[in-house]
Amino acid sequence: MKEMDGRRDEFKVLLANQDAEPHEVPDLPKAAYPLLESHFKSTTSKLKSEHFSSDGTTIKLLIELQNGQAVESVIMRHDASAGKYAGGPRQGGPRATLCVSSQALWV
């Protein structure tokens, strides 16, 4: 995982610029460019809609896939330390859960 920590900025470039080509991503190892160009496809999924809950803890996403189908996803933010477990405080802290539908829909 330590190797991936140093690559966060590079992934941010790809996510922020979905049409970016591998040669446009700064600071990758020289050997990575031909590998990415031959095996990597720019982001092909598109966000079709997003809906935020009134309290901001839940986001529902409709994501269109390359083949025209769509999947629904939900991001739920919560505090794992809220409440009690076995009579004592719960362990944990802020976290998020991502649920992705296993069924594809046509849009």
Protein backbone atom coordinates (compact mmCIF):
# COMPACT_ATOMS: atom_id res chain seq x y z
CA MET A 1 0.00 0.00 0.00
CA LYS A 2 2.92 2.33 0.60
CA GLU A 3 3.66 2.38 -3.15
CA MET A 4 0.08 3.50 -3.85
CA ASP A 5 0.21 6.34 -1.31
CA GLY A 6 2.75 8.17 -3.43
CA ARG A 7 0.51 7.87 -6.50
CA ARG A 8 -2.57 9.65 -5.16
CA ASP A 9 -1.86 12.84 -7.15
CA GLU A 10 -1.55 10.87 -10.38
CA PHE A 11 -4.92 9.19 -9.80
CA LYS A 12 -6.46 12.58 -9.00
CA VAL A 13 -5.31 13.84 -12.41
CA LEU A 14 -7.05 10.93 -14.11
CA LEU A 15 -10.25 11.35 -12.12
CA ALA A 16 -10.39 15.13 -12.51
CA ASN A 17 -9.64 14.93 -16.24
CA GLN A 18 -11.54 11.90 -17.45
CA ASP A 19 -10.35 12.40 -21.02
CA ALA A 20 -6.69 12.54 -19.97
CA GLU A 21 -4.31 10.28 -21.80
CA PRO A 22 -1.60 8.42 -19.86
CA HIS A 23 1.15 10.69 -21.26
CA GLU A 24 -0.65 13.67 -19.64
CA VAL A 25 -0.29 12.25 -16.13
CA PRO A 26 2.79 13.73 -14.45
CA ASP A 27 5.50 11.88 -12.56
CA LEU A 28 4.71 8.30 -13.51
CA PRO A 29 7.63 5.90 -13.90
CA LYS A 30 8.82 5.90 -17.52
CA ALA A 31 7.94 2.21 -17.93
CA ALA A 32 4.33 2.87 -16.88
CA TYR A 33 3.41 4.97 -19.93
CA PRO A 34 3.54 2.24 -22.62
CA LEU A 35 1.86 -0.21 -20.26
CA LEU A 36 -0.99 2.21 -19.55
CA GLU A 37 -1.37 3.16 -23.20
CA SER A 38 -1.71 -0.49 -24.24
CA HIS A 39 -3.85 -1.77 -21.33
CA PHE A 40 -5.68 1.21 -19.86
CA LYS A 41 -8.87 2.77 -21.12
CA SER A 42 -9.81 6.24 -19.94
CA THR A 43 -12.82 6.40 -17.69
CA THR A 44 -15.71 5.08 -19.73
CA SER A 45 -18.45 5.40 -17.10
CA LYS A 46 -20.37 8.63 -16.70
CA LEU A 47 -22.29 10.08 -13.80
CA LYS A 48 -25.87 10.50 -15.05
CA SER A 49 -27.44 11.81 -11.85
CA GLU A 50 -26.76 12.32 -8.16
CA HIS A 51 -29.16 13.01 -5.32
CA PHE A 52 -28.10 14.17 -1.85
CA SER A 53 -30.11 13.46 1.29
CA SER A 54 -31.33 16.49 3.23
CA ASP A 55 -28.83 15.79 6.04
CA GLY A 56 -25.93 15.24 3.61
CA THR A 57 -25.09 11.75 4.86
CA THR A 58 -26.29 9.84 1.79
CA ILE A 59 -25.62 10.29 -1.92
CA LYS A 60 -27.46 8.24 -4.55
CA LEU A 61 -25.66 7.93 -7.88
CA LEU A 62 -26.78 6.67 -11.29
CA ILE A 63 -23.71 5.70 -13.33
CA GLU A 64 -23.93 4.98 -17.04
CA LEU A 65 -21.56 2.25 -18.18
CA GLN A 66 -19.71 2.05 -21.50
CA ASN A 67 -22.34 -0.30 -22.96
CA GLY A 68 -25.24 2.10 -22.24
CA GLN A 69 -26.49 0.26 -19.19
CA ALA A 70 -26.50 1.90 -15.77
CA VAL A 71 -25.91 0.88 -12.18
CA GLU A 72 -27.19 2.57 -9.07
CA SER A 73 -24.85 3.25 -6.18
CA VAL A 74 -25.31 4.73 -2.74
CA ILE A 75 -22.64 6.28 -0.52
CA MET A 76 -23.64 6.37 3.14
CA ARG A 77 -21.58 8.34 5.65
CA HIS A 78 -21.97 7.53 9.32
CA ASP A 79 -20.17 7.57 12.64
CA ALA A 80 -19.32 4.03 13.70
CA SER A 81 -18.75 5.18 17.29
CA ALA A 82 -22.37 6.36 17.71
CA GLY A 83 -24.44 4.30 20.12
CA LYS A 84 -23.45 1.41 22.33
CA TYR A 85 -22.36 -2.15 21.74
CA ALA A 86 -22.52 -4.85 24.43
CA GLY A 87 -23.18 -2.18 27.06
CA GLY A 88 -20.12 -0.09 26.19
CA PRO A 89 -19.13 2.50 23.64
CA ARG A 90 -18.74 1.38 20.06
CA GLN A 91 -15.29 1.29 18.47
CA GLY A 92 -14.57 3.31 15.35
CA GLY A 93 -15.23 6.76 14.02
CA PRO A 94 -16.41 8.47 10.85
CA ARG A 95 -16.68 6.12 7.89
CA ALA A 96 -18.49 5.63 4.62
CA THR A 97 -20.09 2.61 3.01
CA LEU A 98 -20.53 2.22 -0.75
CA CYS A 99 -23.30 -0.01 -2.07
CA VAL A 100 -23.29 -0.84 -5.78
CA SER A 101 -26.26 -2.49 -7.43
CA SER A 102 -25.57 -5.86 -9.01
CA GLN A 103 -28.30 -5.25 -11.60
CA ALA A 104 -27.71 -3.12 -14.67
CA LEU A 105 -30.48 -0.91 -16.07
CA TRP A 106 -30.89 0.52 -19.56
CA VAL A 107 -30.93 4.34 -19.61
